[in-house]
Amino acid sequence: MTTDAGETLSSLPLGQKGRVLGFALPPEHRQRLLEMGLTVGAQFEVIRFAPLGDPIDIKVRGYHLSLRKNEAAGVLVARL
């Protein structure tokens, strides 16, 4: 599944809110994210970046989730 804009979670700026549209990840990585609540349709907000930009901290379903930049690059999103 792809987006028209081709945006991924890793490309969003600090404070941006968005919604998950799909994944471009291997099945084992996708399953792990789904188990942590990052499902299609879930809304999130980019909270902070680590000093070197990796990992990325987002707030989803009322809790903070840290993702490696390469994982975030496989999460297809739409800005809200």
Protein backbone atom coordinates (compact mmCIF):
# COMPACT_ATOMS: atom_id res chain seq x y z
CA MET A 1 0.00 0.00 0.00
CA THR A 2 1.40 3.42 -0.94
CA THR A 3 0.34 7.00 -0.43
CA ASP A 4 -0.08 9.61 -3.14
CA ALA A 5 2.41 11.90 -1.40
CA GLY A 6 4.73 8.99 -0.56
CA GLU A 7 5.13 10.19 3.01
CA THR A 8 6.58 8.01 5.71
CA LEU A 9 6.65 8.43 9.46
CA SER A 10 10.39 9.13 9.36
CA SER A 11 9.86 12.19 7.12
CA LEU A 12 7.45 14.01 9.46
CA PRO A 13 8.60 17.02 11.50
CA LEU A 14 8.42 17.40 15.26
CA GLY A 15 4.86 17.99 16.50
CA GLN A 16 3.20 16.69 13.33
CA LYS A 17 0.07 14.60 13.77
CA GLY A 18 -0.79 11.85 11.35
CA ARG A 19 -2.66 8.64 10.61
CA VAL A 20 -1.17 5.29 9.60
CA LEU A 21 -2.11 4.26 6.05
CA GLY A 22 -0.08 1.10 5.69
CA PHE A 23 3.33 -0.52 5.86
CA ALA A 24 6.25 -1.22 3.55
CA LEU A 25 8.07 -3.52 5.95
CA PRO A 26 8.97 -7.21 6.17
CA PRO A 27 6.22 -9.27 7.85
CA GLU A 28 8.12 -9.74 11.13
CA HIS A 29 8.67 -5.98 11.58
CA ARG A 30 5.10 -5.16 10.56
CA GLN A 31 3.70 -7.71 13.05
CA ARG A 32 5.74 -6.24 15.90
CA LEU A 33 4.41 -2.73 15.19
CA LEU A 34 0.85 -4.03 14.95
CA GLU A 35 1.23 -5.72 18.34
CA MET A 36 2.37 -2.40 19.83
CA GLY A 37 -0.79 -0.66 18.60
CA LEU A 38 0.51 1.00 15.45
CA THR A 39 -2.29 -0.27 13.23
CA VAL A 40 -3.78 1.07 10.00
CA GLY A 41 -5.98 4.03 10.90
CA ALA A 42 -4.23 4.74 14.21
CA GLN A 43 -3.57 8.43 14.84
CA PHE A 44 -0.25 9.56 16.30
CA GLU A 45 1.87 12.62 17.04
CA VAL A 46 5.64 12.97 16.58
CA ILE A 47 6.88 13.89 20.08
CA ARG A 48 10.69 14.00 19.81
CA PHE A 49 13.80 12.80 18.06
CA ALA A 50 16.86 11.45 19.84
CA PRO A 51 19.92 13.74 19.58
CA LEU A 52 21.23 11.92 16.51
CA GLY A 53 17.72 11.51 15.03
CA ASP A 54 17.32 7.85 15.94
CA PRO A 55 15.02 6.67 17.51
CA ILE A 56 11.84 8.67 16.91
CA ASP A 57 9.36 8.99 19.79
CA ILE A 58 5.66 9.12 18.88
CA LYS A 59 2.49 9.18 20.95
CA VAL A 60 -0.07 6.62 19.79
CA ARG A 61 -3.14 5.33 21.64
CA GLY A 62 -2.20 7.35 24.74
CA TYR A 63 1.36 6.06 25.20
CA HIS A 64 4.84 6.80 23.89
CA LEU A 65 6.41 4.48 21.35
CA SER A 66 10.02 4.71 20.17
CA LEU A 67 10.81 3.53 16.67
CA ARG A 68 14.10 3.15 14.88
CA LYS A 69 14.38 5.45 11.88
CA ASN A 70 14.53 2.48 9.47
CA GLU A 71 11.28 1.10 10.95
CA ALA A 72 9.61 4.52 10.75
CA ALA A 73 10.66 4.76 7.09
CA GLY A 74 8.43 1.74 6.40
CA VAL A 75 5.30 3.24 7.98
CA LEU A 76 3.16 5.02 5.36
CA VAL A 77 1.24 7.98 6.77
CA ALA A 78 -1.08 10.88 6.02
CA ARG A 79 -0.68 14.21 7.80
CA LEU A 80 -3.58 15.50 9.88
